[in-house]
Amino acid sequence: MDLFLGNIPFKYKETDIHQIFDGLGNVSKVKLTLSNITKQNKGFCFVTMPVDEEAQKAIEALNGKEIDGKKLELVKVEGSIAEWEKKMLRHGGSGKPGGPSNNFSKGGKIKSGGSAKTFGGGPARGGLMNKTGGSRGS
């Protein structure tokens, strides 16, 4: 079973990931995505566990567990690892693919910076004023 392990410390290497799974079952493969600039992982990786029962046991044991001040997220990969990896890189590497991330709401639109702005009106809202201090058109 392919698993997504998110929110891992950036300094972690493949050996550290194997240590996290120590005693939970056989890990046949770890795929870390590294930053070209820092050469550290991007905060997530993919783990392959050949025995589904062991993978489920690992999910139950590790999902939500805190390691080095970070709360891990361990879930089963739905679809292919390549698809998940593309989505993670597109959305900044936080959260599950297809879910909310740093700058996007669930609909994939950029979050607004606050409440909607209105235009015109009195001086309290920055509207245009005539020489007498009132709003234009009064």
N, C-alpha and C. Protein backbone atom coordinates (compact mmCIF):
# COMPACT_ATOMS: atom_id res chain seq x y z
N MET A 1 0.86 -1.17 0.00
CA MET A 1 0.00 0.00 0.00
C MET A 1 0.90 1.23 0.00
N ASP A 2 0.54 2.21 -0.84
CA ASP A 2 1.28 3.46 -0.88
C ASP A 2 0.66 4.45 0.11
N LEU A 3 1.53 5.10 0.88
CA LEU A 3 1.09 6.03 1.90
C LEU A 3 1.72 7.40 1.68
N PHE A 4 0.99 8.44 2.04
CA PHE A 4 1.48 9.80 2.03
C PHE A 4 1.79 10.17 3.46
N LEU A 5 3.02 10.63 3.71
CA LEU A 5 3.42 11.08 5.04
C LEU A 5 3.71 12.57 4.94
N GLY A 6 2.87 13.37 5.53
CA GLY A 6 3.00 14.82 5.44
C GLY A 6 3.41 15.45 6.75
N ASN A 7 3.90 16.68 6.63
CA ASN A 7 4.33 17.51 7.75
C ASN A 7 5.54 16.94 8.47
N ILE A 8 6.45 16.36 7.69
CA ILE A 8 7.68 15.84 8.30
C ILE A 8 8.70 16.98 8.39
N PRO A 9 9.59 16.93 9.39
CA PRO A 9 10.63 17.95 9.49
C PRO A 9 11.49 17.98 8.22
N PHE A 10 11.84 19.17 7.77
CA PHE A 10 12.59 19.33 6.53
C PHE A 10 13.96 18.67 6.56
N LYS A 11 14.53 18.53 7.74
CA LYS A 11 15.87 17.95 7.84
C LYS A 11 15.86 16.42 7.70
N TYR A 12 14.70 15.78 7.74
CA TYR A 12 14.63 14.32 7.72
C TYR A 12 15.10 13.75 6.38
N LYS A 13 15.82 12.66 6.51
CA LYS A 13 16.32 11.91 5.35
C LYS A 13 15.60 10.55 5.34
N GLU A 14 15.93 9.73 4.34
CA GLU A 14 15.27 8.43 4.19
C GLU A 14 15.44 7.56 5.44
N THR A 15 16.62 7.57 6.04
CA THR A 15 16.85 6.75 7.24
C THR A 15 15.93 7.19 8.39
N ASP A 16 15.67 8.50 8.50
CA ASP A 16 14.77 8.99 9.56
C ASP A 16 13.34 8.49 9.34
N ILE A 17 12.92 8.43 8.07
CA ILE A 17 11.57 7.94 7.76
C ILE A 17 11.46 6.46 8.13
N HIS A 18 12.49 5.68 7.80
CA HIS A 18 12.49 4.26 8.18
C HIS A 18 12.41 4.11 9.70
N GLN A 19 13.07 4.99 10.45
CA GLN A 19 13.02 4.92 11.92
C GLN A 19 11.62 5.21 12.45
N ILE A 20 10.90 6.14 11.80
CA ILE A 20 9.52 6.45 12.22
C ILE A 20 8.66 5.20 12.14
N PHE A 21 8.87 4.39 11.11
CA PHE A 21 8.06 3.19 10.88
C PHE A 21 8.61 1.95 11.58
N ASP A 22 9.70 2.10 12.30
CA ASP A 22 10.33 0.97 12.98
C ASP A 22 9.33 0.27 13.91
N GLY A 23 9.19 -1.03 13.73
CA GLY A 23 8.29 -1.83 14.56
C GLY A 23 6.84 -1.85 14.07
N LEU A 24 6.55 -1.12 13.00
CA LEU A 24 5.17 -1.07 12.49
C LEU A 24 4.97 -1.91 11.24
N GLY A 25 6.05 -2.45 10.70
CA GLY A 25 5.94 -3.27 9.50
C GLY A 25 7.05 -2.96 8.52
N ASN A 26 7.07 -3.74 7.45
CA ASN A 26 8.10 -3.60 6.43
C ASN A 26 7.83 -2.41 5.52
N VAL A 27 8.82 -1.53 5.38
CA VAL A 27 8.76 -0.41 4.44
C VAL A 27 9.66 -0.79 3.28
N SER A 28 9.08 -0.97 2.10
CA SER A 28 9.87 -1.40 0.95
C SER A 28 10.44 -0.22 0.16
N LYS A 29 9.82 0.96 0.31
CA LYS A 29 10.29 2.11 -0.46
C LYS A 29 9.91 3.41 0.23
N VAL A 30 10.84 4.39 0.20
CA VAL A 30 10.58 5.74 0.67
C VAL A 30 10.94 6.68 -0.47
N LYS A 31 10.02 7.57 -0.83
CA LYS A 31 10.28 8.55 -1.90
C LYS A 31 10.18 9.94 -1.32
N LEU A 32 11.33 10.57 -1.13
CA LEU A 32 11.39 11.96 -0.66
C LEU A 32 11.54 12.89 -1.85
N THR A 33 10.86 14.03 -1.82
CA THR A 33 11.04 15.05 -2.84
C THR A 33 11.90 16.15 -2.22
N LEU A 34 13.03 16.42 -2.84
CA LEU A 34 13.99 17.38 -2.28
C LEU A 34 13.90 18.72 -2.99
N SER A 35 14.17 19.77 -2.23
CA SER A 35 14.26 21.12 -2.79
C SER A 35 15.56 21.25 -3.55
N ASN A 36 15.51 21.84 -4.74
CA ASN A 36 16.72 22.08 -5.52
C ASN A 36 17.62 23.10 -4.85
N ILE A 37 17.04 23.98 -4.06
CA ILE A 37 17.81 25.06 -3.42
C ILE A 37 18.43 24.59 -2.11
N THR A 38 17.59 24.08 -1.20
CA THR A 38 18.09 23.72 0.14
C THR A 38 18.61 22.29 0.22
N LYS A 39 18.24 21.45 -0.75
CA LYS A 39 18.60 20.02 -0.76
C LYS A 39 17.95 19.27 0.41
N GLN A 40 16.95 19.88 1.06
CA GLN A 40 16.19 19.21 2.11
C GLN A 40 14.87 18.73 1.53
N ASN A 41 14.18 17.85 2.28
CA ASN A 41 12.89 17.39 1.80
C ASN A 41 11.89 18.55 1.85
N LYS A 42 10.80 18.42 1.12
CA LYS A 42 9.80 19.48 1.02
C LYS A 42 8.68 19.33 2.05
N GLY A 43 8.91 18.54 3.08
CA GLY A 43 7.93 18.41 4.15
C GLY A 43 6.96 17.25 3.99
N PHE A 44 7.18 16.44 2.97
CA PHE A 44 6.32 15.27 2.78
C PHE A 44 7.12 14.19 2.04
N CYS A 45 6.61 12.96 2.12
CA CYS A 45 7.22 11.86 1.37
C CYS A 45 6.15 10.80 1.13
N PHE A 46 6.54 9.81 0.36
CA PHE A 46 5.66 8.68 0.08
C PHE A 46 6.36 7.42 0.56
N VAL A 47 5.59 6.55 1.17
CA VAL A 47 6.12 5.32 1.74
C VAL A 47 5.32 4.16 1.17
N THR A 48 6.01 3.11 0.77
CA THR A 48 5.33 1.91 0.28
C THR A 48 5.52 0.80 1.30
N MET A 49 4.39 0.24 1.73
CA MET A 49 4.39 -0.91 2.64
C MET A 49 3.65 -2.04 1.91
N PRO A 50 4.34 -3.16 1.65
CA PRO A 50 3.73 -4.23 0.85
C PRO A 50 2.56 -4.96 1.52
N VAL A 51 2.49 -4.93 2.85
CA VAL A 51 1.42 -5.64 3.56
C VAL A 51 0.38 -4.62 4.03
N ASP A 52 -0.82 -4.71 3.46
CA ASP A 52 -1.87 -3.73 3.76
C ASP A 52 -2.21 -3.64 5.24
N GLU A 53 -2.22 -4.76 5.95
CA GLU A 53 -2.55 -4.76 7.38
C GLU A 53 -1.51 -3.97 8.16
N GLU A 54 -0.24 -4.10 7.78
CA GLU A 54 0.82 -3.35 8.45
C GLU A 54 0.69 -1.85 8.13
N ALA A 55 0.33 -1.54 6.90
CA ALA A 55 0.15 -0.14 6.51
C ALA A 55 -1.00 0.49 7.31
N GLN A 56 -2.09 -0.26 7.48
CA GLN A 56 -3.22 0.26 8.25
C GLN A 56 -2.82 0.47 9.71
N LYS A 57 -2.03 -0.45 10.25
CA LYS A 57 -1.52 -0.34 11.62
C LYS A 57 -0.64 0.91 11.75
N ALA A 58 0.17 1.18 10.74
CA ALA A 58 1.04 2.36 10.76
C ALA A 58 0.21 3.64 10.72
N ILE A 59 -0.84 3.67 9.89
CA ILE A 59 -1.72 4.84 9.82
C ILE A 59 -2.32 5.13 11.20
N GLU A 60 -2.83 4.08 11.83
CA GLU A 60 -3.45 4.24 13.15
C GLU A 60 -2.44 4.72 14.19
N ALA A 61 -1.20 4.25 14.09
CA ALA A 61 -0.18 4.61 15.08
C ALA A 61 0.44 5.99 14.84
N LEU A 62 0.57 6.39 13.58
CA LEU A 62 1.34 7.59 13.28
C LEU A 62 0.52 8.81 12.88
N ASN A 63 -0.67 8.63 12.35
CA ASN A 63 -1.45 9.79 11.91
C ASN A 63 -1.80 10.65 13.13
N GLY A 64 -1.34 11.89 13.13
CA GLY A 64 -1.58 12.81 14.25
C GLY A 64 -0.50 12.79 15.32
N LYS A 65 0.46 11.86 15.20
CA LYS A 65 1.55 11.78 16.18
C LYS A 65 2.49 12.96 16.00
N GLU A 66 2.96 13.52 17.11
CA GLU A 66 3.88 14.66 17.05
C GLU A 66 5.32 14.17 17.10
N ILE A 67 6.10 14.64 16.13
CA ILE A 67 7.53 14.31 16.07
C ILE A 67 8.29 15.60 15.80
N ASP A 68 9.27 15.89 16.66
CA ASP A 68 10.07 17.12 16.53
C ASP A 68 9.19 18.36 16.40
N GLY A 69 8.11 18.41 17.17
CA GLY A 69 7.22 19.57 17.18
C GLY A 69 6.27 19.66 16.00
N LYS A 70 6.20 18.62 15.17
CA LYS A 70 5.31 18.62 14.01
C LYS A 70 4.34 17.45 14.12
N LYS A 71 3.08 17.72 13.82
CA LYS A 71 2.05 16.69 13.86
C LYS A 71 1.99 16.00 12.50
N LEU A 72 2.35 14.72 12.47
CA LEU A 72 2.40 13.97 11.22
C LEU A 72 1.01 13.72 10.65
N GLU A 73 0.96 13.61 9.34
CA GLU A 73 -0.26 13.21 8.64
C GLU A 73 0.09 12.00 7.79
N LEU A 74 -0.53 10.87 8.08
CA LEU A 74 -0.28 9.64 7.33
C LEU A 74 -1.60 9.11 6.81
N VAL A 75 -1.71 9.06 5.48
CA VAL A 75 -2.94 8.59 4.84
C VAL A 75 -2.59 7.71 3.65
N LYS A 76 -3.56 6.88 3.26
CA LYS A 76 -3.42 6.03 2.08
C LYS A 76 -3.48 6.89 0.82
N VAL A 77 -2.61 6.61 -0.13
CA VAL A 77 -2.62 7.31 -1.41
C VAL A 77 -3.73 6.75 -2.26
N GLU A 78 -4.62 7.62 -2.70
CA GLU A 78 -5.69 7.24 -3.63
C GLU A 78 -5.21 7.64 -5.01
N GLY A 79 -5.09 6.71 -5.93
CA GLY A 79 -4.53 7.01 -7.25
C GLY A 79 -3.04 6.71 -7.24
N SER A 80 -2.29 7.45 -8.05
CA SER A 80 -0.86 7.17 -8.15
C SER A 80 -0.04 8.17 -7.33
N ILE A 81 1.14 7.74 -6.92
CA ILE A 81 2.07 8.62 -6.20
C ILE A 81 2.43 9.82 -7.08
N ALA A 82 2.63 9.59 -8.36
CA ALA A 82 3.00 10.68 -9.27
C ALA A 82 1.94 11.78 -9.29
N GLU A 83 0.65 11.39 -9.31
CA GLU A 83 -0.44 12.37 -9.28
C GLU A 83 -0.42 13.16 -7.98
N TRP A 84 -0.26 12.47 -6.86
CA TRP A 84 -0.23 13.14 -5.55
C TRP A 84 0.95 14.10 -5.47
N GLU A 85 2.09 13.64 -5.95
CA GLU A 85 3.29 14.47 -5.86
C GLU A 85 3.10 15.77 -6.67
N LYS A 86 2.54 15.66 -7.87
CA LYS A 86 2.28 16.85 -8.69
C LYS A 86 1.37 17.82 -7.96
N LYS A 87 0.29 17.28 -7.37
CA LYS A 87 -0.65 18.14 -6.65
C LYS A 87 0.00 18.79 -5.44
N MET A 88 0.82 18.04 -4.73
CA MET A 88 1.48 18.59 -3.55
C MET A 88 2.42 19.72 -3.94
N LEU A 89 3.16 19.54 -4.99
CA LEU A 89 4.11 20.57 -5.43
C LEU A 89 3.37 21.79 -5.96
N ARG A 90 2.23 21.58 -6.59
CA ARG A 90 1.43 22.68 -7.12
C ARG A 90 0.83 23.50 -5.99
N HIS A 91 0.50 22.87 -4.87
CA HIS A 91 -0.17 23.55 -3.76
C HIS A 91 0.77 23.85 -2.59
N GLY A 92 2.03 23.90 -2.82
CA GLY A 92 2.95 24.34 -1.78
C GLY A 92 3.36 23.29 -0.77
N GLY A 93 2.92 22.05 -0.92
CA GLY A 93 3.39 20.99 -0.05
C GLY A 93 2.70 20.89 1.29
N SER A 94 1.64 21.62 1.52
CA SER A 94 0.95 21.48 2.79
C SER A 94 -0.46 20.96 2.56
N GLY A 95 -0.87 20.10 3.44
CA GLY A 95 -2.21 19.53 3.29
C GLY A 95 -2.23 18.43 2.27
N LYS A 96 -3.34 17.70 2.23
CA LYS A 96 -3.46 16.62 1.25
C LYS A 96 -3.74 17.18 -0.12
N PRO A 97 -3.32 16.48 -1.16
CA PRO A 97 -3.62 16.94 -2.51
C PRO A 97 -5.12 17.08 -2.70
N GLY A 98 -5.50 18.16 -3.36
CA GLY A 98 -6.91 18.40 -3.62
C GLY A 98 -7.61 19.10 -2.47
N GLY A 99 -6.98 19.17 -1.32
CA GLY A 99 -7.57 19.84 -0.17
C GLY A 99 -7.05 21.26 -0.05
N PRO A 100 -7.47 21.97 1.01
CA PRO A 100 -7.02 23.33 1.18
C PRO A 100 -5.51 23.37 1.41
N SER A 101 -4.87 24.39 0.95
CA SER A 101 -3.44 24.56 1.19
C SER A 101 -3.19 25.99 1.58
N ASN A 102 -1.93 26.42 1.61
CA ASN A 102 -1.55 27.74 2.11
C ASN A 102 -2.42 28.87 1.56
N ASN A 103 -2.55 28.98 0.25
CA ASN A 103 -3.16 30.14 -0.35
C ASN A 103 -4.48 29.87 -1.06
N PHE A 104 -5.03 28.71 -0.88
CA PHE A 104 -6.21 28.37 -1.63
C PHE A 104 -7.32 27.90 -0.71
N SER A 105 -8.54 28.25 -1.07
CA SER A 105 -9.70 27.72 -0.35
C SER A 105 -10.06 26.39 -0.98
N LYS A 106 -11.09 25.75 -0.48
CA LYS A 106 -11.49 24.45 -1.02
C LYS A 106 -11.79 24.50 -2.50
N GLY A 107 -12.31 25.62 -2.99
CA GLY A 107 -12.65 25.74 -4.39
C GLY A 107 -11.45 26.04 -5.27
N GLY A 108 -10.27 26.16 -4.67
CA GLY A 108 -9.07 26.41 -5.45
C GLY A 108 -8.89 27.88 -5.81
N LYS A 109 -9.67 28.77 -5.19
CA LYS A 109 -9.55 30.19 -5.47
C LYS A 109 -8.69 30.84 -4.39
N ILE A 110 -7.99 31.87 -4.77
CA ILE A 110 -7.15 32.56 -3.81
C ILE A 110 -8.04 33.22 -2.77
N LYS A 111 -7.66 33.05 -1.50
CA LYS A 111 -8.42 33.66 -0.42
C LYS A 111 -8.29 35.17 -0.49
N SER A 112 -9.36 35.85 -0.13
CA SER A 112 -9.29 37.31 -0.10
C SER A 112 -8.60 37.75 1.17
N GLY A 113 -8.07 38.95 1.14
CA GLY A 113 -7.34 39.47 2.29
C GLY A 113 -8.23 40.08 3.34
N GLY A 114 -9.52 40.08 3.21
CA GLY A 114 -10.40 40.65 4.21
C GLY A 114 -11.80 40.78 3.66
N SER A 115 -12.55 41.69 4.28
CA SER A 115 -13.93 41.86 3.84
C SER A 115 -13.99 42.61 2.52
N ALA A 116 -15.13 42.51 1.87
CA ALA A 116 -15.31 43.17 0.57
C ALA A 116 -15.27 44.68 0.75
N LYS A 117 -14.69 45.37 -0.19
CA LYS A 117 -14.59 46.82 -0.14
C LYS A 117 -15.75 47.43 -0.92
N THR A 118 -16.24 48.57 -0.43
CA THR A 118 -17.24 49.31 -1.16
C THR A 118 -16.63 50.62 -1.60
N PHE A 119 -17.13 51.18 -2.65
CA PHE A 119 -16.57 52.41 -3.19
C PHE A 119 -17.61 53.52 -3.13
N GLY A 120 -17.13 54.75 -3.04
CA GLY A 120 -18.02 55.91 -2.96
C GLY A 120 -18.43 56.15 -1.52
N GLY A 121 -19.36 57.06 -1.30
CA GLY A 121 -19.85 57.31 0.04
C GLY A 121 -19.11 58.43 0.72
N GLY A 122 -19.24 58.51 2.02
CA GLY A 122 -18.70 59.62 2.81
C GLY A 122 -17.24 59.50 3.13
N PRO A 123 -16.70 60.52 3.85
CA PRO A 123 -15.28 60.57 4.14
C PRO A 123 -14.80 59.40 4.99
N ALA A 124 -15.64 58.81 5.83
CA ALA A 124 -15.23 57.70 6.68
C ALA A 124 -14.83 56.49 5.85
N ARG A 125 -15.38 56.38 4.63
CA ARG A 125 -15.04 55.25 3.78
C ARG A 125 -14.11 55.67 2.65
N GLY A 126 -13.56 56.86 2.72
CA GLY A 126 -12.62 57.28 1.70
C GLY A 126 -13.27 57.71 0.41
N GLY A 127 -14.54 58.08 0.45
CA GLY A 127 -15.23 58.51 -0.76
C GLY A 127 -14.80 59.90 -1.20
N LEU A 128 -15.24 60.31 -2.37
CA LEU A 128 -14.90 61.63 -2.90
C LEU A 128 -15.70 62.70 -2.16
N MET A 129 -15.07 63.83 -1.92
CA MET A 129 -15.75 64.91 -1.21
C MET A 129 -15.71 66.18 -2.05
N ASN A 130 -16.75 67.04 -1.90
CA ASN A 130 -16.67 68.34 -2.55
C ASN A 130 -16.05 69.33 -1.56
N LYS A 131 -15.91 70.58 -1.94
CA LYS A 131 -15.22 71.58 -1.12
C LYS A 131 -15.90 71.84 0.21
N THR A 132 -17.19 71.57 0.34
CA THR A 132 -17.89 71.87 1.58
C THR A 132 -17.80 70.71 2.57
N GLY A 133 -17.18 69.62 2.19
CA GLY A 133 -17.00 68.49 3.09
C GLY A 133 -18.05 67.41 2.93
N GLY A 134 -19.05 67.62 2.12
CA GLY A 134 -20.07 66.59 1.93
C GLY A 134 -19.76 65.73 0.74
N SER A 135 -20.51 64.70 0.56
CA SER A 135 -20.34 63.82 -0.60
C SER A 135 -20.84 64.50 -1.83
N ARG A 136 -20.28 64.19 -2.97
CA ARG A 136 -20.74 64.72 -4.24
C ARG A 136 -22.17 64.27 -4.51
N GLY A 137 -22.90 65.09 -5.20
CA GLY A 137 -24.25 64.71 -5.57
C GLY A 137 -25.26 64.99 -4.49
N SER A 138 -24.87 65.63 -3.35
CA SER A 138 -25.83 65.92 -2.31
C SER A 138 -26.43 67.29 -2.49
